[in-house]
PDBML (XML) file of the C-alpha atoms, coordinates in Angstrom:
<?xml version="1.0" encoding="UTF-8" ?>
<PDBx:datablock datablockName="MODEL"
   xmlns:PDBx="http://pdbml.pdb.org/schema/pdbx-v50.xsd"
   xmlns:xsi="http://www.w3.org/2001/XMLSchema-instance"
   xsi:schemaLocation="http://pdbml.pdb.org/schema/pdbx-v50.xsd pdbx-v50.xsd">
   <PDBx:atom_siteCategory>
      <PDBx:atom_site id="1">
         <PDBx:B_iso_or_equiv>0.00</PDBx:B_iso_or_equiv>
         <PDBx:Cartn_x>4.165</PDBx:Cartn_x>
         <PDBx:Cartn_y>-7.965</PDBx:Cartn_y>
         <PDBx:Cartn_z>-0.690</PDBx:Cartn_z>
         <PDBx:auth_asym_id>A</PDBx:auth_asym_id>
         <PDBx:auth_atom_id>CA</PDBx:auth_atom_id>
         <PDBx:auth_comp_id>ARG</PDBx:auth_comp_id>
         <PDBx:auth_seq_id>1</PDBx:auth_seq_id>
         <PDBx:group_PDB>ATOM</PDBx:group_PDB>
         <PDBx:label_alt_id xsi:nil="true" />
         <PDBx:label_asym_id>A</PDBx:label_asym_id>
         <PDBx:label_atom_id>CA</PDBx:label_atom_id>
         <PDBx:label_comp_id>ARG</PDBx:label_comp_id>
         <PDBx:label_entity_id>1</PDBx:label_entity_id>
         <PDBx:label_seq_id>1</PDBx:label_seq_id>
         <PDBx:occupancy>1.00</PDBx:occupancy>
         <PDBx:pdbx_PDB_model_num>1</PDBx:pdbx_PDB_model_num>
         <PDBx:type_symbol>C</PDBx:type_symbol>
      </PDBx:atom_site>
      <PDBx:atom_site id="2">
         <PDBx:B_iso_or_equiv>0.00</PDBx:B_iso_or_equiv>
         <PDBx:Cartn_x>4.588</PDBx:Cartn_x>
         <PDBx:Cartn_y>-11.334</PDBx:Cartn_y>
         <PDBx:Cartn_z>-0.961</PDBx:Cartn_z>
         <PDBx:auth_asym_id>A</PDBx:auth_asym_id>
         <PDBx:auth_atom_id>CA</PDBx:auth_atom_id>
         <PDBx:auth_comp_id>THR</PDBx:auth_comp_id>
         <PDBx:auth_seq_id>2</PDBx:auth_seq_id>
         <PDBx:group_PDB>ATOM</PDBx:group_PDB>
         <PDBx:label_alt_id xsi:nil="true" />
         <PDBx:label_asym_id>A</PDBx:label_asym_id>
         <PDBx:label_atom_id>CA</PDBx:label_atom_id>
         <PDBx:label_comp_id>THR</PDBx:label_comp_id>
         <PDBx:label_entity_id>1</PDBx:label_entity_id>
         <PDBx:label_seq_id>2</PDBx:label_seq_id>
         <PDBx:occupancy>1.00</PDBx:occupancy>
         <PDBx:pdbx_PDB_model_num>1</PDBx:pdbx_PDB_model_num>
         <PDBx:type_symbol>C</PDBx:type_symbol>
      </PDBx:atom_site>
      <PDBx:atom_site id="3">
         <PDBx:B_iso_or_equiv>0.00</PDBx:B_iso_or_equiv>
         <PDBx:Cartn_x>5.704</PDBx:Cartn_x>
         <PDBx:Cartn_y>-12.953</PDBx:Cartn_y>
         <PDBx:Cartn_z>1.966</PDBx:Cartn_z>
         <PDBx:auth_asym_id>A</PDBx:auth_asym_id>
         <PDBx:auth_atom_id>CA</PDBx:auth_atom_id>
         <PDBx:auth_comp_id>GLY</PDBx:auth_comp_id>
         <PDBx:auth_seq_id>3</PDBx:auth_seq_id>
         <PDBx:group_PDB>ATOM</PDBx:group_PDB>
         <PDBx:label_alt_id xsi:nil="true" />
         <PDBx:label_asym_id>A</PDBx:label_asym_id>
         <PDBx:label_atom_id>CA</PDBx:label_atom_id>
         <PDBx:label_comp_id>GLY</PDBx:label_comp_id>
         <PDBx:label_entity_id>1</PDBx:label_entity_id>
         <PDBx:label_seq_id>3</PDBx:label_seq_id>
         <PDBx:occupancy>1.00</PDBx:occupancy>
         <PDBx:pdbx_PDB_model_num>1</PDBx:pdbx_PDB_model_num>
         <PDBx:type_symbol>C</PDBx:type_symbol>
      </PDBx:atom_site>
      <PDBx:atom_site id="4">
         <PDBx:B_iso_or_equiv>0.00</PDBx:B_iso_or_equiv>
         <PDBx:Cartn_x>5.777</PDBx:Cartn_x>
         <PDBx:Cartn_y>-11.747</PDBx:Cartn_y>
         <PDBx:Cartn_z>5.922</PDBx:Cartn_z>
         <PDBx:auth_asym_id>A</PDBx:auth_asym_id>
         <PDBx:auth_atom_id>CA</PDBx:auth_atom_id>
         <PDBx:auth_comp_id>GLY</PDBx:auth_comp_id>
         <PDBx:auth_seq_id>4</PDBx:auth_seq_id>
         <PDBx:group_PDB>ATOM</PDBx:group_PDB>
         <PDBx:label_alt_id xsi:nil="true" />
         <PDBx:label_asym_id>A</PDBx:label_asym_id>
         <PDBx:label_atom_id>CA</PDBx:label_atom_id>
         <PDBx:label_comp_id>GLY</PDBx:label_comp_id>
         <PDBx:label_entity_id>1</PDBx:label_entity_id>
         <PDBx:label_seq_id>4</PDBx:label_seq_id>
         <PDBx:occupancy>1.00</PDBx:occupancy>
         <PDBx:pdbx_PDB_model_num>1</PDBx:pdbx_PDB_model_num>
         <PDBx:type_symbol>C</PDBx:type_symbol>
      </PDBx:atom_site>
      <PDBx:atom_site id="5">
         <PDBx:B_iso_or_equiv>0.00</PDBx:B_iso_or_equiv>
         <PDBx:Cartn_x>4.184</PDBx:Cartn_x>
         <PDBx:Cartn_y>-9.547</PDBx:Cartn_y>
         <PDBx:Cartn_z>8.274</PDBx:Cartn_z>
         <PDBx:auth_asym_id>A</PDBx:auth_asym_id>
         <PDBx:auth_atom_id>CA</PDBx:auth_atom_id>
         <PDBx:auth_comp_id>SER</PDBx:auth_comp_id>
         <PDBx:auth_seq_id>5</PDBx:auth_seq_id>
         <PDBx:group_PDB>ATOM</PDBx:group_PDB>
         <PDBx:label_alt_id xsi:nil="true" />
         <PDBx:label_asym_id>A</PDBx:label_asym_id>
         <PDBx:label_atom_id>CA</PDBx:label_atom_id>
         <PDBx:label_comp_id>SER</PDBx:label_comp_id>
         <PDBx:label_entity_id>1</PDBx:label_entity_id>
         <PDBx:label_seq_id>5</PDBx:label_seq_id>
         <PDBx:occupancy>1.00</PDBx:occupancy>
         <PDBx:pdbx_PDB_model_num>1</PDBx:pdbx_PDB_model_num>
         <PDBx:type_symbol>C</PDBx:type_symbol>
      </PDBx:atom_site>
      <PDBx:atom_site id="6">
         <PDBx:B_iso_or_equiv>0.00</PDBx:B_iso_or_equiv>
         <PDBx:Cartn_x>1.070</PDBx:Cartn_x>
         <PDBx:Cartn_y>-7.855</PDBx:Cartn_y>
         <PDBx:Cartn_z>6.619</PDBx:Cartn_z>
         <PDBx:auth_asym_id>A</PDBx:auth_asym_id>
         <PDBx:auth_atom_id>CA</PDBx:auth_atom_id>
         <PDBx:auth_comp_id>CYS</PDBx:auth_comp_id>
         <PDBx:auth_seq_id>6</PDBx:auth_seq_id>
         <PDBx:group_PDB>ATOM</PDBx:group_PDB>
         <PDBx:label_alt_id xsi:nil="true" />
         <PDBx:label_asym_id>A</PDBx:label_asym_id>
         <PDBx:label_atom_id>CA</PDBx:label_atom_id>
         <PDBx:label_comp_id>CYS</PDBx:label_comp_id>
         <PDBx:label_entity_id>1</PDBx:label_entity_id>
         <PDBx:label_seq_id>6</PDBx:label_seq_id>
         <PDBx:occupancy>1.00</PDBx:occupancy>
         <PDBx:pdbx_PDB_model_num>1</PDBx:pdbx_PDB_model_num>
         <PDBx:type_symbol>C</PDBx:type_symbol>
      </PDBx:atom_site>
      <PDBx:atom_site id="7">
         <PDBx:B_iso_or_equiv>0.00</PDBx:B_iso_or_equiv>
         <PDBx:Cartn_x>0.522</PDBx:Cartn_x>
         <PDBx:Cartn_y>-4.772</PDBx:Cartn_y>
         <PDBx:Cartn_z>8.783</PDBx:Cartn_z>
         <PDBx:auth_asym_id>A</PDBx:auth_asym_id>
         <PDBx:auth_atom_id>CA</PDBx:auth_atom_id>
         <PDBx:auth_comp_id>TYR</PDBx:auth_comp_id>
         <PDBx:auth_seq_id>7</PDBx:auth_seq_id>
         <PDBx:group_PDB>ATOM</PDBx:group_PDB>
         <PDBx:label_alt_id xsi:nil="true" />
         <PDBx:label_asym_id>A</PDBx:label_asym_id>
         <PDBx:label_atom_id>CA</PDBx:label_atom_id>
         <PDBx:label_comp_id>TYR</PDBx:label_comp_id>
         <PDBx:label_entity_id>1</PDBx:label_entity_id>
         <PDBx:label_seq_id>7</PDBx:label_seq_id>
         <PDBx:occupancy>1.00</PDBx:occupancy>
         <PDBx:pdbx_PDB_model_num>1</PDBx:pdbx_PDB_model_num>
         <PDBx:type_symbol>C</PDBx:type_symbol>
      </PDBx:atom_site>
      <PDBx:atom_site id="8">
         <PDBx:B_iso_or_equiv>0.00</PDBx:B_iso_or_equiv>
         <PDBx:Cartn_x>0.162</PDBx:Cartn_x>
         <PDBx:Cartn_y>-1.790</PDBx:Cartn_y>
         <PDBx:Cartn_z>7.355</PDBx:Cartn_z>
         <PDBx:auth_asym_id>A</PDBx:auth_asym_id>
         <PDBx:auth_atom_id>CA</PDBx:auth_atom_id>
         <PDBx:auth_comp_id>ILE</PDBx:auth_comp_id>
         <PDBx:auth_seq_id>8</PDBx:auth_seq_id>
         <PDBx:group_PDB>ATOM</PDBx:group_PDB>
         <PDBx:label_alt_id xsi:nil="true" />
         <PDBx:label_asym_id>A</PDBx:label_asym_id>
         <PDBx:label_atom_id>CA</PDBx:label_atom_id>
         <PDBx:label_comp_id>ILE</PDBx:label_comp_id>
         <PDBx:label_entity_id>1</PDBx:label_entity_id>
         <PDBx:label_seq_id>8</PDBx:label_seq_id>
         <PDBx:occupancy>1.00</PDBx:occupancy>
         <PDBx:pdbx_PDB_model_num>1</PDBx:pdbx_PDB_model_num>
         <PDBx:type_symbol>C</PDBx:type_symbol>
      </PDBx:atom_site>
      <PDBx:atom_site id="9">
         <PDBx:B_iso_or_equiv>0.00</PDBx:B_iso_or_equiv>
         <PDBx:Cartn_x>3.715</PDBx:Cartn_x>
         <PDBx:Cartn_y>-0.687</PDBx:Cartn_y>
         <PDBx:Cartn_z>9.316</PDBx:Cartn_z>
         <PDBx:auth_asym_id>A</PDBx:auth_asym_id>
         <PDBx:auth_atom_id>CA</PDBx:auth_atom_id>
         <PDBx:auth_comp_id>GLY</PDBx:auth_comp_id>
         <PDBx:auth_seq_id>9</PDBx:auth_seq_id>
         <PDBx:group_PDB>ATOM</PDBx:group_PDB>
         <PDBx:label_alt_id xsi:nil="true" />
         <PDBx:label_asym_id>A</PDBx:label_asym_id>
         <PDBx:label_atom_id>CA</PDBx:label_atom_id>
         <PDBx:label_comp_id>GLY</PDBx:label_comp_id>
         <PDBx:label_entity_id>1</PDBx:label_entity_id>
         <PDBx:label_seq_id>9</PDBx:label_seq_id>
         <PDBx:occupancy>1.00</PDBx:occupancy>
         <PDBx:pdbx_PDB_model_num>1</PDBx:pdbx_PDB_model_num>
         <PDBx:type_symbol>C</PDBx:type_symbol>
      </PDBx:atom_site>
      <PDBx:atom_site id="10">
         <PDBx:B_iso_or_equiv>0.00</PDBx:B_iso_or_equiv>
         <PDBx:Cartn_x>5.449</PDBx:Cartn_x>
         <PDBx:Cartn_y>-3.708</PDBx:Cartn_y>
         <PDBx:Cartn_z>6.875</PDBx:Cartn_z>
         <PDBx:auth_asym_id>A</PDBx:auth_asym_id>
         <PDBx:auth_atom_id>CA</PDBx:auth_atom_id>
         <PDBx:auth_comp_id>ALA</PDBx:auth_comp_id>
         <PDBx:auth_seq_id>10</PDBx:auth_seq_id>
         <PDBx:group_PDB>ATOM</PDBx:group_PDB>
         <PDBx:label_alt_id xsi:nil="true" />
         <PDBx:label_asym_id>A</PDBx:label_asym_id>
         <PDBx:label_atom_id>CA</PDBx:label_atom_id>
         <PDBx:label_comp_id>ALA</PDBx:label_comp_id>
         <PDBx:label_entity_id>1</PDBx:label_entity_id>
         <PDBx:label_seq_id>10</PDBx:label_seq_id>
         <PDBx:occupancy>1.00</PDBx:occupancy>
         <PDBx:pdbx_PDB_model_num>1</PDBx:pdbx_PDB_model_num>
         <PDBx:type_symbol>C</PDBx:type_symbol>
      </PDBx:atom_site>
      <PDBx:atom_site id="11">
         <PDBx:B_iso_or_equiv>0.00</PDBx:B_iso_or_equiv>
         <PDBx:Cartn_x>7.249</PDBx:Cartn_x>
         <PDBx:Cartn_y>-3.440</PDBx:Cartn_y>
         <PDBx:Cartn_z>4.261</PDBx:Cartn_z>
         <PDBx:auth_asym_id>A</PDBx:auth_asym_id>
         <PDBx:auth_atom_id>CA</PDBx:auth_atom_id>
         <PDBx:auth_comp_id>GLU</PDBx:auth_comp_id>
         <PDBx:auth_seq_id>11</PDBx:auth_seq_id>
         <PDBx:group_PDB>ATOM</PDBx:group_PDB>
         <PDBx:label_alt_id xsi:nil="true" />
         <PDBx:label_asym_id>A</PDBx:label_asym_id>
         <PDBx:label_atom_id>CA</PDBx:label_atom_id>
         <PDBx:label_comp_id>GLU</PDBx:label_comp_id>
         <PDBx:label_entity_id>1</PDBx:label_entity_id>
         <PDBx:label_seq_id>11</PDBx:label_seq_id>
         <PDBx:occupancy>1.00</PDBx:occupancy>
         <PDBx:pdbx_PDB_model_num>1</PDBx:pdbx_PDB_model_num>
         <PDBx:type_symbol>C</PDBx:type_symbol>
      </PDBx:atom_site>
      <PDBx:atom_site id="12">
         <PDBx:B_iso_or_equiv>0.00</PDBx:B_iso_or_equiv>
         <PDBx:Cartn_x>5.671</PDBx:Cartn_x>
         <PDBx:Cartn_y>-3.872</PDBx:Cartn_y>
         <PDBx:Cartn_z>0.922</PDBx:Cartn_z>
         <PDBx:auth_asym_id>A</PDBx:auth_asym_id>
         <PDBx:auth_atom_id>CA</PDBx:auth_atom_id>
         <PDBx:auth_comp_id>TYR</PDBx:auth_comp_id>
         <PDBx:auth_seq_id>12</PDBx:auth_seq_id>
         <PDBx:group_PDB>ATOM</PDBx:group_PDB>
         <PDBx:label_alt_id xsi:nil="true" />
         <PDBx:label_asym_id>A</PDBx:label_asym_id>
         <PDBx:label_atom_id>CA</PDBx:label_atom_id>
         <PDBx:label_comp_id>TYR</PDBx:label_comp_id>
         <PDBx:label_entity_id>1</PDBx:label_entity_id>
         <PDBx:label_seq_id>12</PDBx:label_seq_id>
         <PDBx:occupancy>1.00</PDBx:occupancy>
         <PDBx:pdbx_PDB_model_num>1</PDBx:pdbx_PDB_model_num>
         <PDBx:type_symbol>C</PDBx:type_symbol>
      </PDBx:atom_site>
      <PDBx:atom_site id="13">
         <PDBx:B_iso_or_equiv>0.00</PDBx:B_iso_or_equiv>
         <PDBx:Cartn_x>6.647</PDBx:Cartn_x>
         <PDBx:Cartn_y>-4.475</PDBx:Cartn_y>
         <PDBx:Cartn_z>-2.096</PDBx:Cartn_z>
         <PDBx:auth_asym_id>A</PDBx:auth_asym_id>
         <PDBx:auth_atom_id>CA</PDBx:auth_atom_id>
         <PDBx:auth_comp_id>THR</PDBx:auth_comp_id>
         <PDBx:auth_seq_id>13</PDBx:auth_seq_id>
         <PDBx:group_PDB>ATOM</PDBx:group_PDB>
         <PDBx:label_alt_id xsi:nil="true" />
         <PDBx:label_asym_id>A</PDBx:label_asym_id>
         <PDBx:label_atom_id>CA</PDBx:label_atom_id>
         <PDBx:label_comp_id>THR</PDBx:label_comp_id>
         <PDBx:label_entity_id>1</PDBx:label_entity_id>
         <PDBx:label_seq_id>13</PDBx:label_seq_id>
         <PDBx:occupancy>1.00</PDBx:occupancy>
         <PDBx:pdbx_PDB_model_num>1</PDBx:pdbx_PDB_model_num>
         <PDBx:type_symbol>C</PDBx:type_symbol>
      </PDBx:atom_site>
      <PDBx:atom_site id="14">
         <PDBx:B_iso_or_equiv>0.00</PDBx:B_iso_or_equiv>
         <PDBx:Cartn_x>4.376</PDBx:Cartn_x>
         <PDBx:Cartn_y>-4.165</PDBx:Cartn_y>
         <PDBx:Cartn_z>-4.770</PDBx:Cartn_z>
         <PDBx:auth_asym_id>A</PDBx:auth_asym_id>
         <PDBx:auth_atom_id>CA</PDBx:auth_atom_id>
         <PDBx:auth_comp_id>TYR</PDBx:auth_comp_id>
         <PDBx:auth_seq_id>14</PDBx:auth_seq_id>
         <PDBx:group_PDB>ATOM</PDBx:group_PDB>
         <PDBx:label_alt_id xsi:nil="true" />
         <PDBx:label_asym_id>A</PDBx:label_asym_id>
         <PDBx:label_atom_id>CA</PDBx:label_atom_id>
         <PDBx:label_comp_id>TYR</PDBx:label_comp_id>
         <PDBx:label_entity_id>1</PDBx:label_entity_id>
         <PDBx:label_seq_id>14</PDBx:label_seq_id>
         <PDBx:occupancy>1.00</PDBx:occupancy>
         <PDBx:pdbx_PDB_model_num>1</PDBx:pdbx_PDB_model_num>
         <PDBx:type_symbol>C</PDBx:type_symbol>
      </PDBx:atom_site>
      <PDBx:atom_site id="15">
         <PDBx:B_iso_or_equiv>0.00</PDBx:B_iso_or_equiv>
         <PDBx:Cartn_x>2.705</PDBx:Cartn_x>
         <PDBx:Cartn_y>-0.247</PDBx:Cartn_y>
         <PDBx:Cartn_z>-5.970</PDBx:Cartn_z>
         <PDBx:auth_asym_id>A</PDBx:auth_asym_id>
         <PDBx:auth_atom_id>CA</PDBx:auth_atom_id>
         <PDBx:auth_comp_id>TRP</PDBx:auth_comp_id>
         <PDBx:auth_seq_id>15</PDBx:auth_seq_id>
         <PDBx:group_PDB>ATOM</PDBx:group_PDB>
         <PDBx:label_alt_id xsi:nil="true" />
         <PDBx:label_asym_id>A</PDBx:label_asym_id>
         <PDBx:label_atom_id>CA</PDBx:label_atom_id>
         <PDBx:label_comp_id>TRP</PDBx:label_comp_id>
         <PDBx:label_entity_id>1</PDBx:label_entity_id>
         <PDBx:label_seq_id>15</PDBx:label_seq_id>
         <PDBx:occupancy>1.00</PDBx:occupancy>
         <PDBx:pdbx_PDB_model_num>1</PDBx:pdbx_PDB_model_num>
         <PDBx:type_symbol>C</PDBx:type_symbol>
      </PDBx:atom_site>
      <PDBx:atom_site id="16">
         <PDBx:B_iso_or_equiv>0.00</PDBx:B_iso_or_equiv>
         <PDBx:Cartn_x>-0.156</PDBx:Cartn_x>
         <PDBx:Cartn_y>0.860</PDBx:Cartn_y>
         <PDBx:Cartn_z>-8.264</PDBx:Cartn_z>
         <PDBx:auth_asym_id>A</PDBx:auth_asym_id>
         <PDBx:auth_atom_id>CA</PDBx:auth_atom_id>
         <PDBx:auth_comp_id>GLY</PDBx:auth_comp_id>
         <PDBx:auth_seq_id>16</PDBx:auth_seq_id>
         <PDBx:group_PDB>ATOM</PDBx:group_PDB>
         <PDBx:label_alt_id xsi:nil="true" />
         <PDBx:label_asym_id>A</PDBx:label_asym_id>
         <PDBx:label_atom_id>CA</PDBx:label_atom_id>
         <PDBx:label_comp_id>GLY</PDBx:label_comp_id>
         <PDBx:label_entity_id>1</PDBx:label_entity_id>
         <PDBx:label_seq_id>16</PDBx:label_seq_id>
         <PDBx:occupancy>1.00</PDBx:occupancy>
         <PDBx:pdbx_PDB_model_num>1</PDBx:pdbx_PDB_model_num>
         <PDBx:type_symbol>C</PDBx:type_symbol>
      </PDBx:atom_site>
      <PDBx:atom_site id="17">
         <PDBx:B_iso_or_equiv>0.00</PDBx:B_iso_or_equiv>
         <PDBx:Cartn_x>0.123</PDBx:Cartn_x>
         <PDBx:Cartn_y>3.850</PDBx:Cartn_y>
         <PDBx:Cartn_z>-9.372</PDBx:Cartn_z>
         <PDBx:auth_asym_id>A</PDBx:auth_asym_id>
         <PDBx:auth_atom_id>CA</PDBx:auth_atom_id>
         <PDBx:auth_comp_id>ARG</PDBx:auth_comp_id>
         <PDBx:auth_seq_id>17</PDBx:auth_seq_id>
         <PDBx:group_PDB>ATOM</PDBx:group_PDB>
         <PDBx:label_alt_id xsi:nil="true" />
         <PDBx:label_asym_id>A</PDBx:label_asym_id>
         <PDBx:label_atom_id>CA</PDBx:label_atom_id>
         <PDBx:label_comp_id>ARG</PDBx:label_comp_id>
         <PDBx:label_entity_id>1</PDBx:label_entity_id>
         <PDBx:label_seq_id>17</PDBx:label_seq_id>
         <PDBx:occupancy>1.00</PDBx:occupancy>
         <PDBx:pdbx_PDB_model_num>1</PDBx:pdbx_PDB_model_num>
         <PDBx:type_symbol>C</PDBx:type_symbol>
      </PDBx:atom_site>
      <PDBx:atom_site id="18">
         <PDBx:B_iso_or_equiv>0.00</PDBx:B_iso_or_equiv>
         <PDBx:Cartn_x>-2.527</PDBx:Cartn_x>
         <PDBx:Cartn_y>6.051</PDBx:Cartn_y>
         <PDBx:Cartn_z>-7.448</PDBx:Cartn_z>
         <PDBx:auth_asym_id>A</PDBx:auth_asym_id>
         <PDBx:auth_atom_id>CA</PDBx:auth_atom_id>
         <PDBx:auth_comp_id>GLY</PDBx:auth_comp_id>
         <PDBx:auth_seq_id>18</PDBx:auth_seq_id>
         <PDBx:group_PDB>ATOM</PDBx:group_PDB>
         <PDBx:label_alt_id xsi:nil="true" />
         <PDBx:label_asym_id>A</PDBx:label_asym_id>
         <PDBx:label_atom_id>CA</PDBx:label_atom_id>
         <PDBx:label_comp_id>GLY</PDBx:label_comp_id>
         <PDBx:label_entity_id>1</PDBx:label_entity_id>
         <PDBx:label_seq_id>18</PDBx:label_seq_id>
         <PDBx:occupancy>1.00</PDBx:occupancy>
         <PDBx:pdbx_PDB_model_num>1</PDBx:pdbx_PDB_model_num>
         <PDBx:type_symbol>C</PDBx:type_symbol>
      </PDBx:atom_site>
      <PDBx:atom_site id="19">
         <PDBx:B_iso_or_equiv>0.00</PDBx:B_iso_or_equiv>
         <PDBx:Cartn_x>-6.361</PDBx:Cartn_x>
         <PDBx:Cartn_y>6.771</PDBx:Cartn_y>
         <PDBx:Cartn_z>-7.897</PDBx:Cartn_z>
         <PDBx:auth_asym_id>A</PDBx:auth_asym_id>
         <PDBx:auth_atom_id>CA</PDBx:auth_atom_id>
         <PDBx:auth_comp_id>THR</PDBx:auth_comp_id>
         <PDBx:auth_seq_id>19</PDBx:auth_seq_id>
         <PDBx:group_PDB>ATOM</PDBx:group_PDB>
         <PDBx:label_alt_id xsi:nil="true" />
         <PDBx:label_asym_id>A</PDBx:label_asym_id>
         <PDBx:label_atom_id>CA</PDBx:label_atom_id>
         <PDBx:label_comp_id>THR</PDBx:label_comp_id>
         <PDBx:label_entity_id>1</PDBx:label_entity_id>
         <PDBx:label_seq_id>19</PDBx:label_seq_id>
         <PDBx:occupancy>1.00</PDBx:occupancy>
         <PDBx:pdbx_PDB_model_num>1</PDBx:pdbx_PDB_model_num>
         <PDBx:type_symbol>C</PDBx:type_symbol>
      </PDBx:atom_site>
      <PDBx:atom_site id="20">
         <PDBx:B_iso_or_equiv>0.00</PDBx:B_iso_or_equiv>
         <PDBx:Cartn_x>-6.828</PDBx:Cartn_x>
         <PDBx:Cartn_y>10.503</PDBx:Cartn_y>
         <PDBx:Cartn_z>-6.307</PDBx:Cartn_z>
         <PDBx:auth_asym_id>A</PDBx:auth_asym_id>
         <PDBx:auth_atom_id>CA</PDBx:auth_atom_id>
         <PDBx:auth_comp_id>GLN</PDBx:auth_comp_id>
         <PDBx:auth_seq_id>20</PDBx:auth_seq_id>
         <PDBx:group_PDB>ATOM</PDBx:group_PDB>
         <PDBx:label_alt_id xsi:nil="true" />
         <PDBx:label_asym_id>A</PDBx:label_asym_id>
         <PDBx:label_atom_id>CA</PDBx:label_atom_id>
         <PDBx:label_comp_id>GLN</PDBx:label_comp_id>
         <PDBx:label_entity_id>1</PDBx:label_entity_id>
         <PDBx:label_seq_id>20</PDBx:label_seq_id>
         <PDBx:occupancy>1.00</PDBx:occupancy>
         <PDBx:pdbx_PDB_model_num>1</PDBx:pdbx_PDB_model_num>
         <PDBx:type_symbol>C</PDBx:type_symbol>
      </PDBx:atom_site>
      <PDBx:atom_site id="21">
         <PDBx:B_iso_or_equiv>0.00</PDBx:B_iso_or_equiv>
         <PDBx:Cartn_x>-8.640</PDBx:Cartn_x>
         <PDBx:Cartn_y>10.869</PDBx:Cartn_y>
         <PDBx:Cartn_z>-3.699</PDBx:Cartn_z>
         <PDBx:auth_asym_id>A</PDBx:auth_asym_id>
         <PDBx:auth_atom_id>CA</PDBx:auth_atom_id>
         <PDBx:auth_comp_id>VAL</PDBx:auth_comp_id>
         <PDBx:auth_seq_id>21</PDBx:auth_seq_id>
         <PDBx:group_PDB>ATOM</PDBx:group_PDB>
         <PDBx:label_alt_id xsi:nil="true" />
         <PDBx:label_asym_id>A</PDBx:label_asym_id>
         <PDBx:label_atom_id>CA</PDBx:label_atom_id>
         <PDBx:label_comp_id>VAL</PDBx:label_comp_id>
         <PDBx:label_entity_id>1</PDBx:label_entity_id>
         <PDBx:label_seq_id>21</PDBx:label_seq_id>
         <PDBx:occupancy>1.00</PDBx:occupancy>
         <PDBx:pdbx_PDB_model_num>1</PDBx:pdbx_PDB_model_num>
         <PDBx:type_symbol>C</PDBx:type_symbol>
      </PDBx:atom_site>
      <PDBx:atom_site id="22">
         <PDBx:B_iso_or_equiv>0.00</PDBx:B_iso_or_equiv>
         <PDBx:Cartn_x>-9.854</PDBx:Cartn_x>
         <PDBx:Cartn_y>14.997</PDBx:Cartn_y>
         <PDBx:Cartn_z>-2.482</PDBx:Cartn_z>
         <PDBx:auth_asym_id>A</PDBx:auth_asym_id>
         <PDBx:auth_atom_id>CA</PDBx:auth_atom_id>
         <PDBx:auth_comp_id>THR</PDBx:auth_comp_id>
         <PDBx:auth_seq_id>22</PDBx:auth_seq_id>
         <PDBx:group_PDB>ATOM</PDBx:group_PDB>
         <PDBx:label_alt_id xsi:nil="true" />
         <PDBx:label_asym_id>A</PDBx:label_asym_id>
         <PDBx:label_atom_id>CA</PDBx:label_atom_id>
         <PDBx:label_comp_id>THR</PDBx:label_comp_id>
         <PDBx:label_entity_id>1</PDBx:label_entity_id>
         <PDBx:label_seq_id>22</PDBx:label_seq_id>
         <PDBx:occupancy>1.00</PDBx:occupancy>
         <PDBx:pdbx_PDB_model_num>1</PDBx:pdbx_PDB_model_num>
         <PDBx:type_symbol>C</PDBx:type_symbol>
      </PDBx:atom_site>
      <PDBx:atom_site id="23">
         <PDBx:B_iso_or_equiv>0.00</PDBx:B_iso_or_equiv>
         <PDBx:Cartn_x>-13.206</PDBx:Cartn_x>
         <PDBx:Cartn_y>15.741</PDBx:Cartn_y>
         <PDBx:Cartn_z>-0.406</PDBx:Cartn_z>
         <PDBx:auth_asym_id>A</PDBx:auth_asym_id>
         <PDBx:auth_atom_id>CA</PDBx:auth_atom_id>
         <PDBx:auth_comp_id>VAL</PDBx:auth_comp_id>
         <PDBx:auth_seq_id>23</PDBx:auth_seq_id>
         <PDBx:group_PDB>ATOM</PDBx:group_PDB>
         <PDBx:label_alt_id xsi:nil="true" />
         <PDBx:label_asym_id>A</PDBx:label_asym_id>
         <PDBx:label_atom_id>CA</PDBx:label_atom_id>
         <PDBx:label_comp_id>VAL</PDBx:label_comp_id>
         <PDBx:label_entity_id>1</PDBx:label_entity_id>
         <PDBx:label_seq_id>23</PDBx:label_seq_id>
         <PDBx:occupancy>1.00</PDBx:occupancy>
         <PDBx:pdbx_PDB_model_num>1</PDBx:pdbx_PDB_model_num>
         <PDBx:type_symbol>C</PDBx:type_symbol>
      </PDBx:atom_site>
      <PDBx:atom_site id="24">
         <PDBx:B_iso_or_equiv>0.00</PDBx:B_iso_or_equiv>
         <PDBx:Cartn_x>-14.536</PDBx:Cartn_x>
         <PDBx:Cartn_y>18.916</PDBx:Cartn_y>
         <PDBx:Cartn_z>0.069</PDBx:Cartn_z>
         <PDBx:auth_asym_id>A</PDBx:auth_asym_id>
         <PDBx:auth_atom_id>CA</PDBx:auth_atom_id>
         <PDBx:auth_comp_id>SER</PDBx:auth_comp_id>
         <PDBx:auth_seq_id>24</PDBx:auth_seq_id>
         <PDBx:group_PDB>ATOM</PDBx:group_PDB>
         <PDBx:label_alt_id xsi:nil="true" />
         <PDBx:label_asym_id>A</PDBx:label_asym_id>
         <PDBx:label_atom_id>CA</PDBx:label_atom_id>
         <PDBx:label_comp_id>SER</PDBx:label_comp_id>
         <PDBx:label_entity_id>1</PDBx:label_entity_id>
         <PDBx:label_seq_id>24</PDBx:label_seq_id>
         <PDBx:occupancy>1.00</PDBx:occupancy>
         <PDBx:pdbx_PDB_model_num>1</PDBx:pdbx_PDB_model_num>
         <PDBx:type_symbol>C</PDBx:type_symbol>
      </PDBx:atom_site>
   </PDBx:atom_siteCategory>
</PDBx:datablock>
């Protein structure tokens, strides 16, 4: 996000497409 609060409950605006993590 480009401003405001940074805690993980904040509203993040921009997102990547993701990367998969699998733990067996």
